Amino acid sequence: MKRHALIFWIAIGLAVLGIVNIVFSGGSGLGNILVPLCVIGVVFLLYKFPPARYRKKPKVKPSARTMEKVAAAKRSQSNGKRKHYPFQVIEGSKGKNDDQQPKYH
């Protein structure tokens, strides 16, 4: 993450040096920098405040099967019963030694 931040700040520094160079180079320095600044400003404003037609999220109607699954999940959660899994614990063949068991297990 630090590498990306370093690259970002180097790019910003070079951009500032370029702007200062254009402004103080004489001639039409302000005219050369005005157009890119306007373009950057418009892009930033469109990014920050997009038009209304691009802000809307598409509405997706769930299918009947999806709604059945959601309803079944809600019913199964409301019962409070535990789900039965087809697994079981198999005791090992080494045997148990109560001396080695922790007291508070």
PDB file of N, CA and C in Angstrom:
ATOM      1  N   MET A   1       0.820  -1.183   0.000  1.00  0.00           N
ATOM      2  CA  MET A   1       0.000   0.000   0.000  1.00  0.00           C
ATOM      3  C   MET A   1       0.865   1.247   0.000  1.00  0.00           C
ATOM      4  N   LYS A   2       2.004   1.201   0.677  1.00  0.00           N
ATOM      5  CA  LYS A   2       2.877   2.361   0.728  1.00  0.00           C
ATOM      6  C   LYS A   2       3.463   2.661  -0.649  1.00  0.00           C
ATOM      7  N   ARG A   3       3.659   1.602  -1.443  1.00  0.00           N
ATOM      8  CA  ARG A   3       4.227   1.805  -2.772  1.00  0.00           C
ATOM      9  C   ARG A   3       3.265   2.611  -3.642  1.00  0.00           C
ATOM     10  N   HIS A   4       1.967   2.290  -3.542  1.00  0.00           N
ATOM     11  CA  HIS A   4       0.978   3.026  -4.333  1.00  0.00           C
ATOM     12  C   HIS A   4       0.905   4.483  -3.877  1.00  0.00           C
ATOM     13  N   ALA A   5       0.997   4.709  -2.582  1.00  0.00           N
ATOM     14  CA  ALA A   5       0.963   6.079  -2.072  1.00  0.00           C
ATOM     15  C   ALA A   5       2.192   6.856  -2.533  1.00  0.00           C
ATOM     16  N   LEU A   6       3.330   6.197  -2.552  1.00  0.00           N
ATOM     17  CA  LEU A   6       4.551   6.849  -3.010  1.00  0.00           C
ATOM     18  C   LEU A   6       4.442   7.234  -4.487  1.00  0.00           C
ATOM     19  N   ILE A   7       3.953   6.322  -5.296  1.00  0.00           N
ATOM     20  CA  ILE A   7       3.776   6.615  -6.730  1.00  0.00           C
ATOM     21  C   ILE A   7       2.778   7.755  -6.912  1.00  0.00           C
ATOM     22  N   PHE A   8       1.702   7.750  -6.137  1.00  0.00           N
ATOM     23  CA  PHE A   8       0.694   8.806  -6.230  1.00  0.00           C
ATOM     24  C   PHE A   8       1.302  10.171  -5.919  1.00  0.00           C
ATOM     25  N   TRP A   9       2.058  10.272  -4.821  1.00  0.00           N
ATOM     26  CA  TRP A   9       2.615  11.566  -4.431  1.00  0.00           C
ATOM     27  C   TRP A   9       3.714  12.019  -5.388  1.00  0.00           C
ATOM     28  N   ILE A  10       4.442  11.084  -5.963  1.00  0.00           N
ATOM     29  CA  ILE A  10       5.431  11.462  -6.982  1.00  0.00           C
ATOM     30  C   ILE A  10       4.725  12.037  -8.204  1.00  0.00           C
ATOM     31  N   ALA A  11       3.624  11.398  -8.619  1.00  0.00           N
ATOM     32  CA  ALA A  11       2.863  11.901  -9.777  1.00  0.00           C
ATOM     33  C   ALA A  11       2.277  13.274  -9.481  1.00  0.00           C
ATOM     34  N   ILE A  12       1.759  13.483  -8.279  1.00  0.00           N
ATOM     35  CA  ILE A  12       1.213  14.797  -7.913  1.00  0.00           C
ATOM     36  C   ILE A  12       2.318  15.848  -7.923  1.00  0.00           C
ATOM     37  N   GLY A  13       3.474  15.505  -7.383  1.00  0.00           N
ATOM     38  CA  GLY A  13       4.596  16.446  -7.378  1.00  0.00           C
ATOM     39  C   GLY A  13       5.035  16.822  -8.781  1.00  0.00           C
ATOM     40  N   LEU A  14       5.127  15.832  -9.661  1.00  0.00           N
ATOM     41  CA  LEU A  14       5.505  16.128 -11.053  1.00  0.00           C
ATOM     42  C   LEU A  14       4.445  16.972 -11.750  1.00  0.00           C
ATOM     43  N   ALA A  15       3.175  16.729 -11.437  1.00  0.00           N
ATOM     44  CA  ALA A  15       2.111  17.541 -12.033  1.00  0.00           C
ATOM     45  C   ALA A  15       2.212  18.982 -11.566  1.00  0.00           C
ATOM     46  N   VAL A  16       2.486  19.175 -10.284  1.00  0.00           N
ATOM     47  CA  VAL A  16       2.637  20.547  -9.757  1.00  0.00           C
ATOM     48  C   VAL A  16       3.829  21.234 -10.406  1.00  0.00           C
ATOM     49  N   LEU A  17       4.957  20.518 -10.545  1.00  0.00           N
ATOM     50  CA  LEU A  17       6.123  21.106 -11.212  1.00  0.00           C
ATOM     51  C   LEU A  17       5.804  21.468 -12.662  1.00  0.00           C
ATOM     52  N   GLY A  18       5.057  20.626 -13.333  1.00  0.00           N
ATOM     53  CA  GLY A  18       4.674  20.922 -14.712  1.00  0.00           C
ATOM     54  C   GLY A  18       3.787  22.144 -14.805  1.00  0.00           C
ATOM     55  N   ILE A  19       2.844  22.280 -13.879  1.00  0.00           N
ATOM     56  CA  ILE A  19       1.961  23.447 -13.885  1.00  0.00           C
ATOM     57  C   ILE A  19       2.749  24.721 -13.609  1.00  0.00           C
ATOM     58  N   VAL A  20       3.632  24.665 -12.636  1.00  0.00           N
ATOM     59  CA  VAL A  20       4.456  25.838 -12.323  1.00  0.00           C
ATOM     60  C   VAL A  20       5.330  26.202 -13.519  1.00  0.00           C
ATOM     61  N   ASN A  21       5.896  25.212 -14.191  1.00  0.00           N
ATOM     62  CA  ASN A  21       6.736  25.438 -15.363  1.00  0.00           C
ATOM     63  C   ASN A  21       5.944  26.090 -16.492  1.00  0.00           C
ATOM     64  N   ILE A  22       4.718  25.637 -16.711  1.00  0.00           N
ATOM     65  CA  ILE A  22       3.889  26.197 -17.787  1.00  0.00           C
ATOM     66  C   ILE A  22       3.510  27.641 -17.466  1.00  0.00           C
ATOM     67  N   VAL A  23       3.153  27.910 -16.218  1.00  0.00           N
ATOM     68  CA  VAL A  23       2.716  29.255 -15.840  1.00  0.00           C
ATOM     69  C   VAL A  23       3.870  30.251 -15.947  1.00  0.00           C
ATOM     70  N   PHE A  24       5.061  29.879 -15.500  1.00  0.00           N
ATOM     71  CA  PHE A  24       6.180  30.816 -15.483  1.00  0.00           C
ATOM     72  C   PHE A  24       7.044  30.775 -16.735  1.00  0.00           C
ATOM     73  N   SER A  25       6.677  29.961 -17.708  1.00  0.00           N
ATOM     74  CA  SER A  25       7.507  29.887 -18.916  1.00  0.00           C
ATOM     75  C   SER A  25       7.276  31.071 -19.852  1.00  0.00           C
ATOM     76  N   GLY A  26       6.254  31.829 -19.593  1.00  0.00           N
ATOM     77  CA  GLY A  26       5.978  32.990 -20.441  1.00  0.00           C
ATOM     78  C   GLY A  26       5.086  32.604 -21.609  1.00  0.00           C
ATOM     79  N   GLY A  27       4.769  33.580 -22.425  1.00  0.00           N
ATOM     80  CA  GLY A  27       3.912  33.309 -23.572  1.00  0.00           C
ATOM     81  C   GLY A  27       2.480  33.101 -23.114  1.00  0.00           C
ATOM     82  N   SER A  28       1.842  32.098 -23.689  1.00  0.00           N
ATOM     83  CA  SER A  28       0.437  31.826 -23.353  1.00  0.00           C
ATOM     84  C   SER A  28       0.356  30.667 -22.365  1.00  0.00           C
ATOM     85  N   GLY A  29       1.076  30.781 -21.284  1.00  0.00           N
ATOM     86  CA  GLY A  29       1.108  29.724 -20.274  1.00  0.00           C
ATOM     87  C   GLY A  29      -0.238  29.496 -19.638  1.00  0.00           C
ATOM     88  N   LEU A  30      -0.965  30.570 -19.359  1.00  0.00           N
ATOM     89  CA  LEU A  30      -2.264  30.427 -18.722  1.00  0.00           C
ATOM     90  C   LEU A  30      -3.274  29.781 -19.674  1.00  0.00           C
ATOM     91  N   GLY A  31      -3.179  30.087 -20.948  1.00  0.00           N
ATOM     92  CA  GLY A  31      -4.084  29.481 -21.932  1.00  0.00           C
ATOM     93  C   GLY A  31      -3.823  27.994 -22.097  1.00  0.00           C
ATOM     94  N   ASN A  32      -2.556  27.586 -21.996  1.00  0.00           N
ATOM     95  CA  ASN A  32      -2.222  26.169 -22.124  1.00  0.00           C
ATOM     96  C   ASN A  32      -2.717  25.347 -20.923  1.00  0.00           C
ATOM     97  N   ILE A  33      -2.794  25.960 -19.793  1.00  0.00           N
ATOM     98  CA  ILE A  33      -3.195  25.219 -18.596  1.00  0.00           C
ATOM     99  C   ILE A  33      -4.691  25.317 -18.327  1.00  0.00           C
ATOM    100  N   LEU A  34      -5.368  26.311 -18.898  1.00  0.00           N
ATOM    101  CA  LEU A  34      -6.783  26.517 -18.619  1.00  0.00           C
ATOM    102  C   LEU A  34      -7.649  25.375 -19.156  1.00  0.00           C
ATOM    103  N   VAL A  35      -7.388  24.905 -20.339  1.00  0.00           N
ATOM    104  CA  VAL A  35      -8.196  23.833 -20.948  1.00  0.00           C
ATOM    105  C   VAL A  35      -8.067  22.528 -20.155  1.00  0.00           C
ATOM    106  N   PRO A  36      -6.866  22.051 -19.840  1.00  0.00           N
ATOM    107  CA  PRO A  36      -6.790  20.812 -19.058  1.00  0.00           C
ATOM    108  C   PRO A  36      -7.427  20.939 -17.669  1.00  0.00           C
ATOM    109  N   LEU A  37      -7.293  22.105 -17.031  1.00  0.00           N
ATOM    110  CA  LEU A  37      -7.930  22.288 -15.733  1.00  0.00           C
ATOM    111  C   LEU A  37      -9.449  22.235 -15.843  1.00  0.00           C
ATOM    112  N   CYS A  38     -10.002  22.810 -16.906  1.00  0.00           N
ATOM    113  CA  CYS A  38     -11.452  22.742 -17.112  1.00  0.00           C
ATOM    114  C   CYS A  38     -11.901  21.298 -17.345  1.00  0.00           C
ATOM    115  N   VAL A  39     -11.150  20.560 -18.138  1.00  0.00           N
ATOM    116  CA  VAL A  39     -11.499  19.159 -18.406  1.00  0.00           C
ATOM    117  C   VAL A  39     -11.435  18.340 -17.119  1.00  0.00           C
ATOM    118  N   ILE A  40     -10.388  18.543 -16.343  1.00  0.00           N
ATOM    119  CA  ILE A  40     -10.256  17.823 -15.075  1.00  0.00           C
ATOM    120  C   ILE A  40     -11.393  18.196 -14.134  1.00  0.00           C
ATOM    121  N   GLY A  41     -11.768  19.474 -14.105  1.00  0.00           N
ATOM    122  CA  GLY A  41     -12.877  19.919 -13.259  1.00  0.00           C
ATOM    123  C   GLY A  41     -14.202  19.295 -13.658  1.00  0.00           C
ATOM    124  N   VAL A  42     -14.474  19.240 -14.959  1.00  0.00           N
ATOM    125  CA  VAL A  42     -15.723  18.638 -15.437  1.00  0.00           C
ATOM    126  C   VAL A  42     -15.754  17.148 -15.111  1.00  0.00           C
ATOM    127  N   VAL A  43     -14.647  16.447 -15.318  1.00  0.00           N
ATOM    128  CA  VAL A  43     -14.595  15.020 -15.009  1.00  0.00           C
ATOM    129  C   VAL A  43     -14.816  14.797 -13.516  1.00  0.00           C
ATOM    130  N   PHE A  44     -14.195  15.624 -12.672  1.00  0.00           N
ATOM    131  CA  PHE A  44     -14.364  15.490 -11.233  1.00  0.00           C
ATOM    132  C   PHE A  44     -15.814  15.733 -10.827  1.00  0.00           C
ATOM    133  N   LEU A  45     -16.440  16.771 -11.370  1.00  0.00           N
ATOM    134  CA  LEU A  45     -17.830  17.050 -11.033  1.00  0.00           C
ATOM    135  C   LEU A  45     -18.762  15.938 -11.501  1.00  0.00           C
ATOM    136  N   LEU A  46     -18.507  15.379 -12.683  1.00  0.00           N
ATOM    137  CA  LEU A  46     -19.330  14.255 -13.153  1.00  0.00           C
ATOM    138  C   LEU A  46     -19.119  13.016 -12.296  1.00  0.00           C
ATOM    139  N   TYR A  47     -17.916  12.838 -11.797  1.00  0.00           N
ATOM    140  CA  TYR A  47     -17.647  11.703 -10.906  1.00  0.00           C
ATOM    141  C   TYR A  47     -18.320  11.894  -9.559  1.00  0.00           C
ATOM    142  N   LYS A  48     -18.236  13.092  -9.018  1.00  0.00           N
ATOM    143  CA  LYS A  48     -18.789  13.374  -7.695  1.00  0.00           C
ATOM    144  C   LYS A  48     -20.304  13.461  -7.723  1.00  0.00           C
ATOM    145  N   PHE A  49     -20.870  14.075  -8.766  1.00  0.00           N
ATOM    146  CA  PHE A  49     -22.315  14.254  -8.904  1.00  0.00           C
ATOM    147  C   PHE A  49     -22.761  13.719 -10.256  1.00  0.00           C
ATOM    148  N   PRO A  50     -22.933  12.408 -10.385  1.00  0.00           N
ATOM    149  CA  PRO A  50     -23.322  11.846 -11.679  1.00  0.00           C
ATOM    150  C   PRO A  50     -24.748  12.240 -12.055  1.00  0.00           C
ATOM    151  N   PRO A  51     -25.066  12.256 -13.353  1.00  0.00           N
ATOM    152  CA  PRO A  51     -26.430  12.569 -13.776  1.00  0.00           C
ATOM    153  C   PRO A  51     -27.424  11.559 -13.197  1.00  0.00           C
ATOM    154  N   ALA A  52     -28.677  11.971 -13.092  1.00  0.00           N
ATOM    155  CA  ALA A  52     -29.698  11.146 -12.443  1.00  0.00           C
ATOM    156  C   ALA A  52     -29.903   9.813 -13.150  1.00  0.00           C
ATOM    157  N   ARG A  53     -29.789   9.779 -14.450  1.00  0.00           N
ATOM    158  CA  ARG A  53     -30.051   8.520 -15.159  1.00  0.00           C
ATOM    159  C   ARG A  53     -28.970   7.475 -14.898  1.00  0.00           C
ATOM    160  N   TYR A  54     -27.793   7.899 -14.455  1.00  0.00           N
ATOM    161  CA  TYR A  54     -26.725   6.945 -14.150  1.00  0.00           C
ATOM    162  C   TYR A  54     -26.694   6.563 -12.671  1.00  0.00           C
ATOM    163  N   ARG A  55     -27.416   7.277 -11.836  1.00  0.00           N
ATOM    164  CA  ARG A  55     -27.427   7.008 -10.410  1.00  0.00           C
ATOM    165  C   ARG A  55     -28.366   5.880 -10.032  1.00  0.00           C
ATOM    166  N   LYS A  56     -29.390   5.643 -10.821  1.00  0.00           N
ATOM    167  CA  LYS A  56     -30.397   4.653 -10.476  1.00  0.00           C
ATOM    168  C   LYS A  56     -29.821   3.246 -10.564  1.00  0.00           C
ATOM    169  N   LYS A  57     -30.185   2.458  -9.564  1.00  0.00           N
ATOM    170  CA  LYS A  57     -29.786   1.057  -9.581  1.00  0.00           C
ATOM    171  C   LYS A  57     -30.875   0.271 -10.297  1.00  0.00           C
ATOM    172  N   PRO A  58     -30.494  -0.685 -11.107  1.00  0.00           N
ATOM    173  CA  PRO A  58     -31.518  -1.453 -11.817  1.00  0.00           C
ATOM    174  C   PRO A  58     -32.333  -2.293 -10.837  1.00  0.00           C
ATOM    175  N   LYS A  59     -33.637  -2.316 -11.063  1.00  0.00           N
ATOM    176  CA  LYS A  59     -34.516  -3.101 -10.210  1.00  0.00           C
ATOM    177  C   LYS A  59     -34.565  -4.534 -10.756  1.00  0.00           C
ATOM    178  N   VAL A  60     -34.317  -5.472  -9.869  1.00  0.00           N
ATOM    179  CA  VAL A  60     -34.328  -6.872 -10.264  1.00  0.00           C
ATOM    180  C   VAL A  60     -35.429  -7.563  -9.490  1.00  0.00           C
ATOM    181  N   LYS A  61     -36.339  -8.170 -10.215  1.00  0.00           N
ATOM    182  CA  LYS A  61     -37.429  -8.884  -9.565  1.00  0.00           C
ATOM    183  C   LYS A  61     -36.978 -10.317  -9.318  1.00  0.00           C
ATOM    184  N   PRO A  62     -36.989 -10.771  -8.066  1.00  0.00           N
ATOM    185  CA  PRO A  62     -36.557 -12.132  -7.793  1.00  0.00           C
ATOM    186  C   PRO A  62     -37.552 -13.148  -8.352  1.00  0.00           C
ATOM    187  N   SER A  63     -37.039 -14.295  -8.744  1.00  0.00           N
ATOM    188  CA  SER A  63     -37.896 -15.323  -9.311  1.00  0.00           C
ATOM    189  C   SER A  63     -38.710 -15.992  -8.213  1.00  0.00           C
ATOM    190  N   ALA A  64     -39.684 -16.780  -8.628  1.00  0.00           N
ATOM    191  CA  ALA A  64     -40.545 -17.471  -7.672  1.00  0.00           C
ATOM    192  C   ALA A  64     -39.743 -18.468  -6.845  1.00  0.00           C
ATOM    193  N   ARG A  65     -38.795 -19.151  -7.476  1.00  0.00           N
ATOM    194  CA  ARG A  65     -37.966 -20.122  -6.754  1.00  0.00           C
ATOM    195  C   ARG A  65     -37.136 -19.426  -5.675  1.00  0.00           C
ATOM    196  N   THR A  66     -36.613 -18.257  -6.011  1.00  0.00           N
ATOM    197  CA  THR A  66     -35.818 -17.517  -5.033  1.00  0.00           C
ATOM    198  C   THR A  66     -36.684 -17.101  -3.853  1.00  0.00           C
ATOM    199  N   MET A  67     -37.873 -16.630  -4.119  1.00  0.00           N
ATOM    200  CA  MET A  67     -38.770 -16.226  -3.044  1.00  0.00           C
ATOM    201  C   MET A  67     -39.160 -17.407  -2.168  1.00  0.00           C
ATOM    202  N   GLU A  68     -39.343 -18.602  -2.774  1.00  0.00           N
ATOM    203  CA  GLU A  68     -39.645 -19.797  -1.990  1.00  0.00           C
ATOM    204  C   GLU A  68     -38.481 -20.149  -1.072  1.00  0.00           C
ATOM    205  N   LYS A  69     -37.253 -20.042  -1.580  1.00  0.00           N
ATOM    206  CA  LYS A  69     -36.076 -20.339  -0.770  1.00  0.00           C
ATOM    207  C   LYS A  69     -35.963 -19.367   0.403  1.00  0.00           C
ATOM    208  N   VAL A  70     -36.216 -18.089   0.143  1.00  0.00           N
ATOM    209  CA  VAL A  70     -36.141 -17.091   1.207  1.00  0.00           C
ATOM    210  C   VAL A  70     -37.200 -17.363   2.268  1.00  0.00           C
ATOM    211  N   ALA A  71     -38.410 -17.702   1.828  1.00  0.00           N
ATOM    212  CA  ALA A  71     -39.485 -17.990   2.777  1.00  0.00           C
ATOM    213  C   ALA A  71     -39.167 -19.239   3.593  1.00  0.00           C
ATOM    214  N   ALA A  72     -38.621 -20.259   2.942  1.00  0.00           N
ATOM    215  CA  ALA A  72     -38.267 -21.486   3.659  1.00  0.00           C
ATOM    216  C   ALA A  72     -37.159 -21.224   4.668  1.00  0.00           C
ATOM    217  N   ALA A  73     -36.202 -20.405   4.326  1.00  0.00           N
ATOM    218  CA  ALA A  73     -35.117 -20.079   5.248  1.00  0.00           C
ATOM    219  C   ALA A  73     -35.648 -19.325   6.461  1.00  0.00           C
ATOM    220  N   LYS A  74     -36.587 -18.434   6.240  1.00  0.00           N
ATOM    221  CA  LYS A  74     -37.164 -17.691   7.351  1.00  0.00           C
ATOM    222  C   LYS A  74     -37.948 -18.622   8.274  1.00  0.00           C
ATOM    223  N   ARG A  75     -38.690 -19.562   7.679  1.00  0.00           N
ATOM    224  CA  ARG A  75     -39.453 -20.503   8.489  1.00  0.00           C
ATOM    225  C   ARG A  75     -38.538 -21.410   9.297  1.00  0.00           C
ATOM    226  N   SER A  76     -37.457 -21.870   8.690  1.00  0.00           N
ATOM    227  CA  SER A  76     -36.553 -22.784   9.399  1.00  0.00           C
ATOM    228  C   SER A  76     -35.803 -22.063  10.519  1.00  0.00           C
ATOM    229  N   GLN A  77     -35.514 -20.801  10.351  1.00  0.00           N
ATOM    230  CA  GLN A  77     -34.831 -20.048  11.387  1.00  0.00           C
ATOM    231  C   GLN A  77     -35.772 -19.737  12.547  1.00  0.00           C
ATOM    232  N   SER A  78     -37.038 -19.548  12.256  1.00  0.00           N
ATOM    233  CA  SER A  78     -37.973 -19.179  13.310  1.00  0.00           C
ATOM    234  C   SER A  78     -38.313 -20.367  14.203  1.00  0.00           C
ATOM    235  N   ASN A  79     -38.154 -21.601  13.714  1.00  0.00           N
ATOM    236  CA  ASN A  79     -38.456 -22.776  14.524  1.00  0.00           C
ATOM    237  C   ASN A  79     -37.505 -22.902  15.697  1.00  0.00           C
ATOM    238  N   GLY A  80     -36.267 -22.540  15.509  1.00  0.00           N
ATOM    239  CA  GLY A  80     -35.286 -22.645  16.565  1.00  0.00           C
ATOM    240  C   GLY A  80     -34.696 -24.043  16.685  1.00  0.00           C
ATOM    241  N   LYS A  81     -35.081 -24.955  15.830  1.00  0.00           N
ATOM    242  CA  LYS A  81     -34.539 -26.309  15.875  1.00  0.00           C
ATOM    243  C   LYS A  81     -33.165 -26.322  15.235  1.00  0.00           C
ATOM    244  N   ARG A  82     -32.337 -27.228  15.719  1.00  0.00           N
ATOM    245  CA  ARG A  82     -31.008 -27.365  15.140  1.00  0.00           C
ATOM    246  C   ARG A  82     -31.086 -28.247  13.911  1.00  0.00           C
ATOM    247  N   LYS A  83     -30.281 -27.938  12.972  1.00  0.00           N
ATOM    248  CA  LYS A  83     -30.230 -28.728  11.750  1.00  0.00           C
ATOM    249  C   LYS A  83     -29.455 -30.009  12.033  1.00  0.00           C
ATOM    250  N   HIS A  84     -29.943 -31.116  11.504  1.00  0.00           N
ATOM    251  CA  HIS A  84     -29.301 -32.407  11.722  1.00  0.00           C
ATOM    252  C   HIS A  84     -28.249 -32.635  10.641  1.00  0.00           C
ATOM    253  N   TYR A  85     -27.032 -32.891  11.074  1.00  0.00           N
ATOM    254  CA  TYR A  85     -25.949 -33.179  10.149  1.00  0.00           C
ATOM    255  C   TYR A  85     -25.629 -34.675  10.211  1.00  0.00           C
ATOM    256  N   PRO A  86     -25.303 -35.295   9.094  1.00  0.00           N
ATOM    257  CA  PRO A  86     -25.050 -36.744   9.092  1.00  0.00           C
ATOM    258  C   PRO A  86     -23.629 -37.110   9.526  1.00  0.00           C
ATOM    259  N   PHE A  87     -23.077 -36.390  10.481  1.00  0.00           N
ATOM    260  CA  PHE A  87     -21.724 -36.667  10.946  1.00  0.00           C
ATOM    261  C   PHE A  87     -21.783 -37.148  12.397  1.00  0.00           C
ATOM    262  N   GLN A  88     -20.800 -37.925  12.781  1.00  0.00           N
ATOM    263  CA  GLN A  88     -20.705 -38.348  14.173  1.00  0.00           C
ATOM    264  C   GLN A  88     -19.247 -38.441  14.573  1.00  0.00           C
ATOM    265  N   VAL A  89     -19.014 -38.381  15.867  1.00  0.00           N
ATOM    266  CA  VAL A  89     -17.662 -38.448  16.398  1.00  0.00           C
ATOM    267  C   VAL A  89     -17.288 -39.910  16.575  1.00  0.00           C
ATOM    268  N   ILE A  90     -16.125 -40.274  16.077  1.00  0.00           N
ATOM    269  CA  ILE A  90     -15.626 -41.642  16.217  1.00  0.00           C
ATOM    270  C   ILE A  90     -14.520 -41.615  17.252  1.00  0.00           C
ATOM    271  N   GLU A  91     -14.662 -42.433  18.288  1.00  0.00           N
ATOM    272  CA  GLU A  91     -13.662 -42.492  19.340  1.00  0.00           C
ATOM    273  C   GLU A  91     -12.382 -43.109  18.795  1.00  0.00           C
ATOM    274  N   GLY A  92     -11.257 -42.584  19.239  1.00  0.00           N
ATOM    275  CA  GLY A  92      -9.966 -43.087  18.797  1.00  0.00           C
ATOM    276  C   GLY A  92      -9.602 -44.404  19.466  1.00  0.00           C
ATOM    277  N   SER A  93      -8.589 -45.090  18.907  1.00  0.00           N
ATOM    278  CA  SER A  93      -8.191 -46.392  19.433  1.00  0.00           C
ATOM    279  C   SER A  93      -7.072 -46.282  20.474  1.00  0.00           C
ATOM    280  N   LYS A  94      -6.565 -45.094  20.735  1.00  0.00           N
ATOM    281  CA  LYS A  94      -5.465 -44.933  21.679  1.00  0.00           C
ATOM    282  C   LYS A  94      -5.932 -45.044  23.127  1.00  0.00           C
ATOM    283  N   GLY A  95      -7.167 -44.844  23.374  1.00  0.00           N
ATOM    284  CA  GLY A  95      -7.652 -44.886  24.747  1.00  0.00           C
ATOM    285  C   GLY A  95      -7.521 -43.523  25.385  1.00  0.00           C
ATOM    286  N   LYS A  96      -8.254 -43.361  26.463  1.00  0.00           N
ATOM    287  CA  LYS A  96      -8.239 -42.076  27.138  1.00  0.00           C
ATOM    288  C   LYS A  96      -7.451 -42.183  28.423  1.00  0.00           C
ATOM    289  N   ASN A  97      -6.686 -41.187  28.719  1.00  0.00           N
ATOM    290  CA  ASN A  97      -5.948 -41.102  29.960  1.00  0.00           C
ATOM    291  C   ASN A  97      -6.444 -39.851  30.672  1.00  0.00           C
ATOM    292  N   ASP A  98      -7.161 -40.044  31.762  1.00  0.00           N
ATOM    293  CA  ASP A  98      -7.763 -38.903  32.462  1.00  0.00           C
ATOM    294  C   ASP A  98      -6.727 -38.003  33.103  1.00  0.00           C
ATOM    295  N   ASP A  99      -5.520 -38.519  33.342  1.00  0.00           N
ATOM    296  CA  ASP A  99      -4.485 -37.702  33.956  1.00  0.00           C
ATOM    297  C   ASP A  99      -3.990 -36.607  33.020  1.00  0.00           C
ATOM    298  N   GLN A 100      -4.029 -36.879  31.727  1.00  0.00           N
ATOM    299  CA  GLN A 100      -3.513 -35.920  30.765  1.00  0.00           C
ATOM    300  C   GLN A 100      -4.584 -34.937  30.284  1.00  0.00           C
ATOM    301  N   GLN A 101      -5.802 -35.172  30.646  1.00  0.00           N
ATOM    302  CA  GLN A 101      -6.887 -34.270  30.243  1.00  0.00           C
ATOM    303  C   GLN A 101      -6.784 -32.963  31.030  1.00  0.00           C
ATOM    304  N   PRO A 102      -7.002 -31.852  30.406  1.00  0.00           N
ATOM    305  CA  PRO A 102      -7.009 -30.592  31.143  1.00  0.00           C
ATOM    306  C   PRO A 102      -8.204 -30.563  32.111  1.00  0.00           C
ATOM    307  N   LYS A 103      -8.046 -29.864  33.231  1.00  0.00           N
ATOM    308  CA  LYS A 103      -9.107 -29.815  34.236  1.00  0.00           C
ATOM    309  C   LYS A 103     -10.326 -29.058  33.728  1.00  0.00           C
ATOM    310  N   TYR A 104     -10.100 -27.980  33.037  1.00  0.00           N
ATOM    311  CA  TYR A 104     -11.212 -27.152  32.527  1.00  0.00           C
ATOM    312  C   TYR A 104     -11.204 -27.213  31.030  1.00  0.00           C
ATOM    313  N   HIS A 105     -11.816 -28.205  30.501  1.00  0.00           N
ATOM    314  CA  HIS A 105     -11.798 -28.397  29.050  1.00  0.00           C
ATOM    315  C   HIS A 105     -13.093 -27.967  28.443  1.00  0.00           C
TER     316      HIS A 105
END
